[in-house]
Full PDB file with SEQRES, HELIX, SHEET, SSBOND, CRYST1, ORIGX, SCALE, CONECT and MASTER records, all heavy atoms in Angstrom:
SEQRES   1 A   41  VAL SER VAL THR LEU ASN GLY GLN PRO VAL GLU ALA GLN          
SEQRES   2 A   41  GLU GLY GLN THR VAL ALA GLY LEU LEU LEU SER LEU GLY          
SEQRES   3 A   41  GLN ASN ASN LEU PHE HIS ALA SER GLU TYR ASN LEU VAL          
SEQRES   4 A   41  ARG SER                                                      
HELIX    1 AA1 VAL A   18  SER A   24  1                                   7    
SHEET    1 AA1 2 SER A   2  LEU A   5  0                                        
SHEET    2 AA1 2 GLN A   8  GLU A  11 -1                                        
SHEET    1 AA2 2 PHE A  31  ALA A  33  0                                        
SHEET    2 AA2 2 LEU A  38  ARG A  40 -1                                        
CRYST1    1.000    1.000    1.000  90.00  90.00  90.00 P 1           1          
ORIGX1      1.000000  0.000000  0.000000        0.00000                         
ORIGX2      0.000000  1.000000  0.000000        0.00000                         
ORIGX3      0.000000  0.000000  1.000000        0.00000                         
SCALE1      1.000000  0.000000  0.000000        0.00000                         
SCALE2      0.000000  1.000000  0.000000        0.00000                         
SCALE3      0.000000  0.000000  1.000000        0.00000                         
ATOM      1  N   VAL A   1       0.860  -1.166   0.000  1.00  0.00           N  
ATOM      2  CA  VAL A   1       0.000   0.000   0.000  1.00  0.00           C  
ATOM      3  C   VAL A   1       0.904   1.225   0.000  1.00  0.00           C  
ATOM      4  O   VAL A   1       1.791   1.340   0.850  1.00  0.00           O  
ATOM      5  CB  VAL A   1      -0.913   0.023   1.253  1.00  0.00           C  
ATOM      6  CG1 VAL A   1      -1.756   1.277   1.294  1.00  0.00           C  
ATOM      7  CG2 VAL A   1      -1.787  -1.221   1.308  1.00  0.00           C  
ATOM      8  N   SER A   2       0.695   2.134  -0.938  1.00  0.00           N  
ATOM      9  CA  SER A   2       1.496   3.356  -0.998  1.00  0.00           C  
ATOM     10  C   SER A   2       0.863   4.426  -0.123  1.00  0.00           C  
ATOM     11  O   SER A   2      -0.318   4.734  -0.261  1.00  0.00           O  
ATOM     12  CB  SER A   2       1.584   3.869  -2.435  1.00  0.00           C  
ATOM     13  OG  SER A   2       2.277   2.941  -3.233  1.00  0.00           O  
ATOM     14  N   VAL A   3       1.660   4.980   0.795  1.00  0.00           N  
ATOM     15  CA  VAL A   3       1.217   6.057   1.673  1.00  0.00           C  
ATOM     16  C   VAL A   3       2.300   7.132   1.692  1.00  0.00           C  
ATOM     17  O   VAL A   3       3.402   6.923   1.189  1.00  0.00           O  
ATOM     18  CB  VAL A   3       0.925   5.563   3.114  1.00  0.00           C  
ATOM     19  CG1 VAL A   3      -0.154   4.489   3.118  1.00  0.00           C  
ATOM     20  CG2 VAL A   3       2.180   5.048   3.790  1.00  0.00           C  
ATOM     21  N   THR A   4       1.979   8.262   2.290  1.00  0.00           N  
ATOM     22  CA  THR A   4       2.947   9.334   2.468  1.00  0.00           C  
ATOM     23  C   THR A   4       3.155   9.520   3.959  1.00  0.00           C  
ATOM     24  O   THR A   4       2.197   9.656   4.710  1.00  0.00           O  
ATOM     25  CB  THR A   4       2.433  10.648   1.835  1.00  0.00           C  
ATOM     26  OG1 THR A   4       2.172  10.419   0.459  1.00  0.00           O  
ATOM     27  CG2 THR A   4       3.454  11.757   1.974  1.00  0.00           C  
ATOM     28  N   LEU A   5       4.413   9.514   4.388  1.00  0.00           N  
ATOM     29  CA  LEU A   5       4.762   9.700   5.791  1.00  0.00           C  
ATOM     30  C   LEU A   5       5.657  10.922   5.903  1.00  0.00           C  
ATOM     31  O   LEU A   5       6.752  10.937   5.347  1.00  0.00           O  
ATOM     32  CB  LEU A   5       5.468   8.461   6.342  1.00  0.00           C  
ATOM     33  CG  LEU A   5       6.013   8.573   7.762  1.00  0.00           C  
ATOM     34  CD1 LEU A   5       4.881   8.831   8.763  1.00  0.00           C  
ATOM     35  CD2 LEU A   5       6.766   7.316   8.144  1.00  0.00           C  
ATOM     36  N   ASN A   6       5.151  11.933   6.591  1.00  0.00           N  
ATOM     37  CA  ASN A   6       5.893  13.193   6.743  1.00  0.00           C  
ATOM     38  C   ASN A   6       6.394  13.717   5.399  1.00  0.00           C  
ATOM     39  O   ASN A   6       7.528  14.159   5.267  1.00  0.00           O  
ATOM     40  CB  ASN A   6       7.046  13.028   7.726  1.00  0.00           C  
ATOM     41  CG  ASN A   6       6.558  12.750   9.130  1.00  0.00           C  
ATOM     42  OD1 ASN A   6       5.503  13.221   9.546  1.00  0.00           O  
ATOM     43  ND2 ASN A   6       7.318  11.972   9.874  1.00  0.00           N  
ATOM     44  N   GLY A   7       5.528  13.620   4.388  1.00  0.00           N  
ATOM     45  CA  GLY A   7       5.825  14.150   3.063  1.00  0.00           C  
ATOM     46  C   GLY A   7       6.635  13.239   2.162  1.00  0.00           C  
ATOM     47  O   GLY A   7       6.889  13.582   1.012  1.00  0.00           O  
ATOM     48  N   GLN A   8       7.017  12.050   2.658  1.00  0.00           N  
ATOM     49  CA  GLN A   8       7.827  11.120   1.867  1.00  0.00           C  
ATOM     50  C   GLN A   8       7.000   9.878   1.507  1.00  0.00           C  
ATOM     51  O   GLN A   8       6.337   9.307   2.378  1.00  0.00           O  
ATOM     52  CB  GLN A   8       9.061  10.680   2.659  1.00  0.00           C  
ATOM     53  CG  GLN A   8       9.969  11.831   3.046  1.00  0.00           C  
ATOM     54  CD  GLN A   8      10.547  12.526   1.825  1.00  0.00           C  
ATOM     55  OE1 GLN A   8      10.990  11.894   0.877  1.00  0.00           O  
ATOM     56  NE2 GLN A   8      10.515  13.859   1.846  1.00  0.00           N  
ATOM     57  N   PRO A   9       7.050   9.435   0.262  1.00  0.00           N  
ATOM     58  CA  PRO A   9       6.323   8.212  -0.100  1.00  0.00           C  
ATOM     59  C   PRO A   9       6.973   6.985   0.535  1.00  0.00           C  
ATOM     60  O   PRO A   9       8.203   6.871   0.548  1.00  0.00           O  
ATOM     61  CB  PRO A   9       6.428   8.171  -1.622  1.00  0.00           C  
ATOM     62  CG  PRO A   9       7.606   9.016  -1.960  1.00  0.00           C  
ATOM     63  CD  PRO A   9       7.758  10.027  -0.866  1.00  0.00           C  
ATOM     64  N   VAL A  10       6.153   6.104   1.089  1.00  0.00           N  
ATOM     65  CA  VAL A  10       6.636   4.847   1.661  1.00  0.00           C  
ATOM     66  C   VAL A  10       5.652   3.744   1.295  1.00  0.00           C  
ATOM     67  O   VAL A  10       4.499   4.001   0.974  1.00  0.00           O  
ATOM     68  CB  VAL A  10       6.818   4.907   3.201  1.00  0.00           C  
ATOM     69  CG1 VAL A  10       7.896   5.899   3.591  1.00  0.00           C  
ATOM     70  CG2 VAL A  10       5.518   5.246   3.882  1.00  0.00           C  
ATOM     71  N   GLU A  11       6.133   2.523   1.356  1.00  0.00           N  
ATOM     72  CA  GLU A  11       5.287   1.353   1.112  1.00  0.00           C  
ATOM     73  C   GLU A  11       4.964   0.682   2.439  1.00  0.00           C  
ATOM     74  O   GLU A  11       5.852   0.454   3.260  1.00  0.00           O  
ATOM     75  CB  GLU A  11       5.989   0.360   0.191  1.00  0.00           C  
ATOM     76  CG  GLU A  11       6.043   0.784  -1.258  1.00  0.00           C  
ATOM     77  CD  GLU A  11       4.667   0.850  -1.911  1.00  0.00           C  
ATOM     78  OE1 GLU A  11       3.865  -0.097  -1.742  1.00  0.00           O  
ATOM     79  OE2 GLU A  11       4.396   1.847  -2.596  1.00  0.00           O  
ATOM     80  N   ALA A  12       3.713   0.372   2.630  1.00  0.00           N  
ATOM     81  CA  ALA A  12       3.251  -0.354   3.811  1.00  0.00           C  
ATOM     82  C   ALA A  12       2.644  -1.667   3.341  1.00  0.00           C  
ATOM     83  O   ALA A  12       2.425  -1.877   2.145  1.00  0.00           O  
ATOM     84  CB  ALA A  12       2.207   0.478   4.559  1.00  0.00           C  
ATOM     85  N   GLN A  13       2.372  -2.533   4.284  1.00  0.00           N  
ATOM     86  CA  GLN A  13       1.711  -3.794   3.969  1.00  0.00           C  
ATOM     87  C   GLN A  13       0.208  -3.653   4.190  1.00  0.00           C  
ATOM     88  O   GLN A  13      -0.223  -3.043   5.170  1.00  0.00           O  
ATOM     89  CB  GLN A  13       2.250  -4.919   4.857  1.00  0.00           C  
ATOM     90  CG  GLN A  13       3.699  -5.245   4.604  1.00  0.00           C  
ATOM     91  CD  GLN A  13       3.931  -5.752   3.194  1.00  0.00           C  
ATOM     92  OE1 GLN A  13       3.191  -6.571   2.685  1.00  0.00           O  
ATOM     93  NE2 GLN A  13       4.972  -5.248   2.565  1.00  0.00           N  
ATOM     94  N   GLU A  14      -0.570  -4.226   3.306  1.00  0.00           N  
ATOM     95  CA  GLU A  14      -2.017  -4.217   3.466  1.00  0.00           C  
ATOM     96  C   GLU A  14      -2.382  -4.845   4.817  1.00  0.00           C  
ATOM     97  O   GLU A  14      -1.838  -5.877   5.199  1.00  0.00           O  
ATOM     98  CB  GLU A  14      -2.668  -5.021   2.334  1.00  0.00           C  
ATOM     99  CG  GLU A  14      -4.164  -4.989   2.339  1.00  0.00           C  
ATOM    100  CD  GLU A  14      -4.756  -5.750   1.165  1.00  0.00           C  
ATOM    101  OE1 GLU A  14      -4.010  -6.118   0.231  1.00  0.00           O  
ATOM    102  OE2 GLU A  14      -5.962  -5.987   1.198  1.00  0.00           O  
ATOM    103  N   GLY A  15      -3.242  -4.187   5.579  1.00  0.00           N  
ATOM    104  CA  GLY A  15      -3.652  -4.682   6.889  1.00  0.00           C  
ATOM    105  C   GLY A  15      -2.764  -4.210   8.031  1.00  0.00           C  
ATOM    106  O   GLY A  15      -3.081  -4.408   9.197  1.00  0.00           O  
ATOM    107  N   GLN A  16      -1.654  -3.565   7.711  1.00  0.00           N  
ATOM    108  CA  GLN A  16      -0.727  -3.069   8.725  1.00  0.00           C  
ATOM    109  C   GLN A  16      -1.302  -1.815   9.373  1.00  0.00           C  
ATOM    110  O   GLN A  16      -1.938  -0.996   8.713  1.00  0.00           O  
ATOM    111  CB  GLN A  16       0.609  -2.751   8.053  1.00  0.00           C  
ATOM    112  CG  GLN A  16       1.726  -2.367   8.969  1.00  0.00           C  
ATOM    113  CD  GLN A  16       3.036  -2.178   8.197  1.00  0.00           C  
ATOM    114  OE1 GLN A  16       3.046  -1.705   7.061  1.00  0.00           O  
ATOM    115  NE2 GLN A  16       4.133  -2.565   8.807  1.00  0.00           N  
ATOM    116  N   THR A  17      -1.077  -1.665  10.671  1.00  0.00           N  
ATOM    117  CA  THR A  17      -1.500  -0.433  11.320  1.00  0.00           C  
ATOM    118  C   THR A  17      -0.472   0.663  11.044  1.00  0.00           C  
ATOM    119  O   THR A  17       0.671   0.385  10.682  1.00  0.00           O  
ATOM    120  CB  THR A  17      -1.637  -0.603  12.845  1.00  0.00           C  
ATOM    121  OG1 THR A  17      -0.358  -0.911  13.399  1.00  0.00           O  
ATOM    122  CG2 THR A  17      -2.666  -1.673  13.200  1.00  0.00           C  
ATOM    123  N   VAL A  18      -0.895   1.887  11.256  1.00  0.00           N  
ATOM    124  CA  VAL A  18       0.028   3.007  11.111  1.00  0.00           C  
ATOM    125  C   VAL A  18       1.184   2.845  12.101  1.00  0.00           C  
ATOM    126  O   VAL A  18       2.340   3.073  11.763  1.00  0.00           O  
ATOM    127  CB  VAL A  18      -0.707   4.347  11.309  1.00  0.00           C  
ATOM    128  CG1 VAL A  18       0.270   5.510  11.345  1.00  0.00           C  
ATOM    129  CG2 VAL A  18      -1.752   4.555  10.209  1.00  0.00           C  
ATOM    130  N   ALA A  19       0.884   2.433  13.319  1.00  0.00           N  
ATOM    131  CA  ALA A  19       1.942   2.204  14.322  1.00  0.00           C  
ATOM    132  C   ALA A  19       2.909   1.128  13.853  1.00  0.00           C  
ATOM    133  O   ALA A  19       4.127   1.262  14.017  1.00  0.00           O  
ATOM    134  CB  ALA A  19       1.336   1.816  15.666  1.00  0.00           C  
ATOM    135  N   GLY A  20       2.403   0.063  13.280  1.00  0.00           N  
ATOM    136  CA  GLY A  20       3.266  -1.001  12.753  1.00  0.00           C  
ATOM    137  C   GLY A  20       4.171  -0.493  11.661  1.00  0.00           C  
ATOM    138  O   GLY A  20       5.354  -0.839  11.602  1.00  0.00           O  
ATOM    139  N   LEU A  21       3.635   0.347  10.792  1.00  0.00           N  
ATOM    140  CA  LEU A  21       4.445   0.952   9.740  1.00  0.00           C  
ATOM    141  C   LEU A  21       5.537   1.819  10.347  1.00  0.00           C  
ATOM    142  O   LEU A  21       6.704   1.705   9.978  1.00  0.00           O  
ATOM    143  CB  LEU A  21       3.564   1.792   8.809  1.00  0.00           C  
ATOM    144  CG  LEU A  21       4.313   2.661   7.800  1.00  0.00           C  
ATOM    145  CD1 LEU A  21       5.116   1.805   6.829  1.00  0.00           C  
ATOM    146  CD2 LEU A  21       3.344   3.575   7.082  1.00  0.00           C  
ATOM    147  N   LEU A  22       5.165   2.672  11.297  1.00  0.00           N  
ATOM    148  CA  LEU A  22       6.143   3.562  11.922  1.00  0.00           C  
ATOM    149  C   LEU A  22       7.256   2.764  12.601  1.00  0.00           C  
ATOM    150  O   LEU A  22       8.443   3.085  12.445  1.00  0.00           O  
ATOM    151  CB  LEU A  22       5.452   4.484  12.920  1.00  0.00           C  
ATOM    152  CG  LEU A  22       4.495   5.506  12.308  1.00  0.00           C  
ATOM    153  CD1 LEU A  22       3.688   6.196  13.399  1.00  0.00           C  
ATOM    154  CD2 LEU A  22       5.236   6.513  11.471  1.00  0.00           C  
ATOM    155  N   LEU A  23       6.881   1.740  13.333  1.00  0.00           N  
ATOM    156  CA  LEU A  23       7.891   0.928  14.008  1.00  0.00           C  
ATOM    157  C   LEU A  23       8.801   0.218  13.008  1.00  0.00           C  
ATOM    158  O   LEU A  23      10.006   0.110  13.225  1.00  0.00           O  
ATOM    159  CB  LEU A  23       7.236  -0.079  14.944  1.00  0.00           C  
ATOM    160  CG  LEU A  23       6.659   0.506  16.233  1.00  0.00           C  
ATOM    161  CD1 LEU A  23       5.882  -0.555  16.996  1.00  0.00           C  
ATOM    162  CD2 LEU A  23       7.760   1.091  17.094  1.00  0.00           C  
ATOM    163  N   SER A  24       8.216  -0.274  11.909  1.00  0.00           N  
ATOM    164  CA  SER A  24       9.028  -0.971  10.906  1.00  0.00           C  
ATOM    165  C   SER A  24      10.038  -0.041  10.247  1.00  0.00           C  
ATOM    166  O   SER A  24      11.056  -0.486   9.745  1.00  0.00           O  
ATOM    167  CB  SER A  24       8.135  -1.626   9.845  1.00  0.00           C  
ATOM    168  OG  SER A  24       7.585  -0.649   8.965  1.00  0.00           O  
ATOM    169  N   LEU A  25       9.751   1.265  10.277  1.00  0.00           N  
ATOM    170  CA  LEU A  25      10.655   2.260   9.694  1.00  0.00           C  
ATOM    171  C   LEU A  25      11.569   2.892  10.735  1.00  0.00           C  
ATOM    172  O   LEU A  25      12.317   3.816  10.429  1.00  0.00           O  
ATOM    173  CB  LEU A  25       9.831   3.349   8.996  1.00  0.00           C  
ATOM    174  CG  LEU A  25       9.001   2.891   7.805  1.00  0.00           C  
ATOM    175  CD1 LEU A  25       8.093   4.013   7.322  1.00  0.00           C  
ATOM    176  CD2 LEU A  25       9.895   2.396   6.684  1.00  0.00           C  
ATOM    177  N   GLY A  26      11.480   2.409  11.980  1.00  0.00           N  
ATOM    178  CA  GLY A  26      12.320   2.944  13.046  1.00  0.00           C  
ATOM    179  C   GLY A  26      11.836   4.275  13.589  1.00  0.00           C  
ATOM    180  O   GLY A  26      12.559   4.966  14.294  1.00  0.00           O  
ATOM    181  N   GLN A  27      10.608   4.654  13.262  1.00  0.00           N  
ATOM    182  CA  GLN A  27      10.028   5.923  13.720  1.00  0.00           C  
ATOM    183  C   GLN A  27       9.376   5.686  15.073  1.00  0.00           C  
ATOM    184  O   GLN A  27       8.358   5.020  15.173  1.00  0.00           O  
ATOM    185  CB  GLN A  27       8.982   6.400  12.706  1.00  0.00           C  
ATOM    186  CG  GLN A  27       8.323   7.689  13.056  1.00  0.00           C  
ATOM    187  CD  GLN A  27       9.145   8.886  12.652  1.00  0.00           C  
ATOM    188  OE1 GLN A  27       9.964   8.812  11.756  1.00  0.00           O  
ATOM    189  NE2 GLN A  27       8.933   9.983  13.314  1.00  0.00           N  
ATOM    190  N   ASN A  28       9.947   6.225  16.139  1.00  0.00           N  
ATOM    191  CA  ASN A  28       9.465   5.947  17.488  1.00  0.00           C  
ATOM    192  C   ASN A  28       8.948   7.183  18.208  1.00  0.00           C  
ATOM    193  O   ASN A  28       8.139   7.082  19.107  1.00  0.00           O  
ATOM    194  CB  ASN A  28      10.587   5.300  18.307  1.00  0.00           C  
ATOM    195  CG  ASN A  28      10.070   4.558  19.504  1.00  0.00           C  
ATOM    196  OD1 ASN A  28       8.881   4.378  19.667  1.00  0.00           O  
ATOM    197  ND2 ASN A  28      10.968   4.130  20.356  1.00  0.00           N  
ATOM    198  N   ASN A  29       9.391   8.378  17.817  1.00  0.00           N  
ATOM    199  CA  ASN A  29       8.932   9.607  18.452  1.00  0.00           C  
ATOM    200  C   ASN A  29       7.756  10.161  17.667  1.00  0.00           C  
ATOM    201  O   ASN A  29       7.898  10.522  16.515  1.00  0.00           O  
ATOM    202  CB  ASN A  29      10.055  10.645  18.498  1.00  0.00           C  
ATOM    203  CG  ASN A  29      11.220  10.161  19.313  1.00  0.00           C  
ATOM    204  OD1 ASN A  29      11.050   9.392  20.259  1.00  0.00           O  
ATOM    205  ND2 ASN A  29      12.408  10.584  18.960  1.00  0.00           N  
ATOM    206  N   LEU A  30       6.599  10.218  18.325  1.00  0.00           N  
ATOM    207  CA  LEU A  30       5.389  10.564  17.586  1.00  0.00           C  
ATOM    208  C   LEU A  30       4.825  11.934  17.891  1.00  0.00           C  
ATOM    209  O   LEU A  30       4.223  12.556  17.042  1.00  0.00           O  
ATOM    210  CB  LEU A  30       4.303   9.522  17.868  1.00  0.00           C  
ATOM    211  CG  LEU A  30       4.649   8.112  17.424  1.00  0.00           C  
ATOM    212  CD1 LEU A  30       3.500   7.187  17.722  1.00  0.00           C  
ATOM    213  CD2 LEU A  30       4.971   8.088  15.952  1.00  0.00           C  
ATOM    214  N   PHE A  31       4.927  12.414  19.100  1.00  0.00           N  
ATOM    215  CA  PHE A  31       4.238  13.641  19.465  1.00  0.00           C  
ATOM    216  C   PHE A  31       5.032  14.364  20.529  1.00  0.00           C  
ATOM    217  O   PHE A  31       5.425  13.777  21.522  1.00  0.00           O  
ATOM    218  CB  PHE A  31       2.838  13.306  19.995  1.00  0.00           C  
ATOM    219  CG  PHE A  31       2.009  14.510  20.342  1.00  0.00           C  
ATOM    220  CD1 PHE A  31       1.212  15.107  19.390  1.00  0.00           C  
ATOM    221  CD2 PHE A  31       2.018  15.027  21.621  1.00  0.00           C  
ATOM    222  CE1 PHE A  31       0.451  16.209  19.714  1.00  0.00           C  
ATOM    223  CE2 PHE A  31       1.255  16.128  21.952  1.00  0.00           C  
ATOM    224  CZ  PHE A  31       0.459  16.720  20.993  1.00  0.00           C  
ATOM    225  N   HIS A  32       5.261  15.647  20.328  1.00  0.00           N  
ATOM    226  CA  HIS A  32       5.996  16.448  21.307  1.00  0.00           C  
ATOM    227  C   HIS A  32       4.989  17.221  22.149  1.00  0.00           C  
ATOM    228  O   HIS A  32       4.276  18.078  21.639  1.00  0.00           O  
ATOM    229  CB  HIS A  32       6.947  17.407  20.600  1.00  0.00           C  
ATOM    230  CG  HIS A  32       7.780  18.206  21.536  1.00  0.00           C  
ATOM    231  ND1 HIS A  32       7.468  19.485  21.889  1.00  0.00           N  
ATOM    232  CD2 HIS A  32       8.903  17.887  22.224  1.00  0.00           C  
ATOM    233  CE1 HIS A  32       8.364  19.938  22.729  1.00  0.00           C  
ATOM    234  NE2 HIS A  32       9.246  18.985  22.948  1.00  0.00           N  
ATOM    235  N   ALA A  33       4.914  16.898  23.435  1.00  0.00           N  
ATOM    236  CA  ALA A  33       4.042  17.607  24.367  1.00  0.00           C  
ATOM    237  C   ALA A  33       4.838  18.782  24.926  1.00  0.00           C  
ATOM    238  O   ALA A  33       5.554  18.658  25.916  1.00  0.00           O  
ATOM    239  CB  ALA A  33       3.574  16.672  25.477  1.00  0.00           C  
ATOM    240  N   SER A  34       4.745  19.931  24.265  1.00  0.00           N  
ATOM    241  CA  SER A  34       5.615  21.062  24.585  1.00  0.00           C  
ATOM    242  C   SER A  34       5.412  21.591  25.995  1.00  0.00           C  
ATOM    243  O   SER A  34       6.356  22.078  26.615  1.00  0.00           O  
ATOM    244  CB  SER A  34       5.419  22.187  23.572  1.00  0.00           C  
ATOM    245  OG  SER A  34       4.077  22.620  23.573  1.00  0.00           O  
ATOM    246  N   GLU A  35       4.195  21.491  26.524  1.00  0.00           N  
ATOM    247  CA  GLU A  35       3.964  22.022  27.866  1.00  0.00           C  
ATOM    248  C   GLU A  35       4.743  21.255  28.930  1.00  0.00           C  
ATOM    249  O   GLU A  35       4.990  21.758  30.016  1.00  0.00           O  
ATOM    250  CB  GLU A  35       2.461  22.034  28.211  1.00  0.00           C  
ATOM    251  CG  GLU A  35       1.798  20.671  28.297  1.00  0.00           C  
ATOM    252  CD  GLU A  35       1.302  20.129  26.968  1.00  0.00           C  
ATOM    253  OE1 GLU A  35       1.737  20.608  25.904  1.00  0.00           O  
ATOM    254  OE2 GLU A  35       0.474  19.216  26.985  1.00  0.00           O  
ATOM    255  N   TYR A  36       5.138  20.032  28.636  1.00  0.00           N  
ATOM    256  CA  TYR A  36       5.918  19.224  29.569  1.00  0.00           C  
ATOM    257  C   TYR A  36       7.324  18.922  29.044  1.00  0.00           C  
ATOM    258  O   TYR A  36       8.102  18.242  29.693  1.00  0.00           O  
ATOM    259  CB  TYR A  36       5.203  17.904  29.878  1.00  0.00           C  
ATOM    260  CG  TYR A  36       3.824  18.089  30.431  1.00  0.00           C  
ATOM    261  CD1 TYR A  36       2.707  17.750  29.678  1.00  0.00           C  
ATOM    262  CD2 TYR A  36       3.627  18.622  31.699  1.00  0.00           C  
ATOM    263  CE1 TYR A  36       1.434  17.927  30.177  1.00  0.00           C  
ATOM    264  CE2 TYR A  36       2.358  18.806  32.209  1.00  0.00           C  
ATOM    265  CZ  TYR A  36       1.270  18.459  31.441  1.00  0.00           C  
ATOM    266  OH  TYR A  36       0.007  18.647  31.933  1.00  0.00           O  
ATOM    267  N   ASN A  37       7.628  19.401  27.823  1.00  0.00           N  
ATOM    268  CA  ASN A  37       8.889  19.130  27.159  1.00  0.00           C  
ATOM    269  C   ASN A  37       9.174  17.628  27.072  1.00  0.00           C  
ATOM    270  O   ASN A  37      10.273  17.166  27.363  1.00  0.00           O  
ATOM    271  CB  ASN A  37      10.054  19.868  27.829  1.00  0.00           C  
ATOM    272  CG  ASN A  37      11.251  19.953  26.899  1.00  0.00           C  
ATOM    273  OD1 ASN A  37      11.088  19.968  25.683  1.00  0.00           O  
ATOM    274  ND2 ASN A  37      12.436  19.988  27.454  1.00  0.00           N  
ATOM    275  N   LEU A  38       8.157  16.866  26.685  1.00  0.00           N  
ATOM    276  CA  LEU A  38       8.267  15.414  26.560  1.00  0.00           C  
ATOM    277  C   LEU A  38       7.971  14.989  25.132  1.00  0.00           C  
ATOM    278  O   LEU A  38       7.159  15.610  24.453  1.00  0.00           O  
ATOM    279  CB  LEU A  38       7.265  14.714  27.484  1.00  0.00           C  
ATOM    280  CG  LEU A  38       7.416  14.942  28.981  1.00  0.00           C  
ATOM    281  CD1 LEU A  38       6.231  14.319  29.715  1.00  0.00           C  
ATOM    282  CD2 LEU A  38       8.716  14.335  29.465  1.00  0.00           C  
ATOM    283  N   VAL A  39       8.616  13.936  24.688  1.00  0.00           N  
ATOM    284  CA  VAL A  39       8.278  13.319  23.413  1.00  0.00           C  
ATOM    285  C   VAL A  39       7.555  12.018  23.718  1.00  0.00           C  
ATOM    286  O   VAL A  39       8.045  11.190  24.475  1.00  0.00           O  
ATOM    287  CB  VAL A  39       9.536  13.053  22.567  1.00  0.00           C  
ATOM    288  CG1 VAL A  39       9.164  12.337  21.282  1.00  0.00           C  
ATOM    289  CG2 VAL A  39      10.240  14.358  22.247  1.00  0.00           C  
ATOM    290  N   ARG A  40       6.358  11.876  23.160  1.00  0.00           N  
ATOM    291  CA  ARG A  40       5.577  10.676  23.422  1.00  0.00           C  
ATOM    292  C   ARG A  40       5.833   9.622  22.358  1.00  0.00           C  
ATOM    293  O   ARG A  40       6.130   9.929  21.222  1.00  0.00           O  
ATOM    294  CB  ARG A  40       4.083  11.013  23.458  1.00  0.00           C  
ATOM    295  CG  ARG A  40       3.749  11.946  24.580  1.00  0.00           C  
ATOM    296  CD  ARG A  40       2.291  12.039  24.831  1.00  0.00           C  
ATOM    297  NE  ARG A  40       1.544  12.531  23.686  1.00  0.00           N  
ATOM    298  CZ  ARG A  40       0.319  13.022  23.794  1.00  0.00           C  
ATOM    299  NH1 ARG A  40      -0.266  13.096  24.966  1.00  0.00           N  
ATOM    300  NH2 ARG A  40      -0.323  13.433  22.737  1.00  0.00           N  
ATOM    301  N   SER A  41       5.664   8.382  22.750  1.00  0.00           N  
ATOM    302  CA  SER A  41       5.852   7.266  21.851  1.00  0.00           C  
ATOM    303  C   SER A  41       4.729   6.260  22.102  1.00  0.00           C  
ATOM    304  O   SER A  41       3.736   6.591  22.724  1.00  0.00           O  
ATOM    305  CB  SER A  41       7.225   6.631  22.102  1.00  0.00           C  
ATOM    306  OG  SER A  41       7.460   5.632  21.150  1.00  0.00           O  
TER     307      SER A  41                                                      
MASTER        0    0    0    1    4    0    0    6  306    1    0    4          
END                                                                             
């Protein structure tokens, strides 16, 4: 399945979750909570 991740084209597997795709690409930092200066995963 062709998707775009942060503006870059990537291939995912049909039935894969977005989290599964991110983990397979080594993408672990998902959201910066600026009020606490934390990066969530």
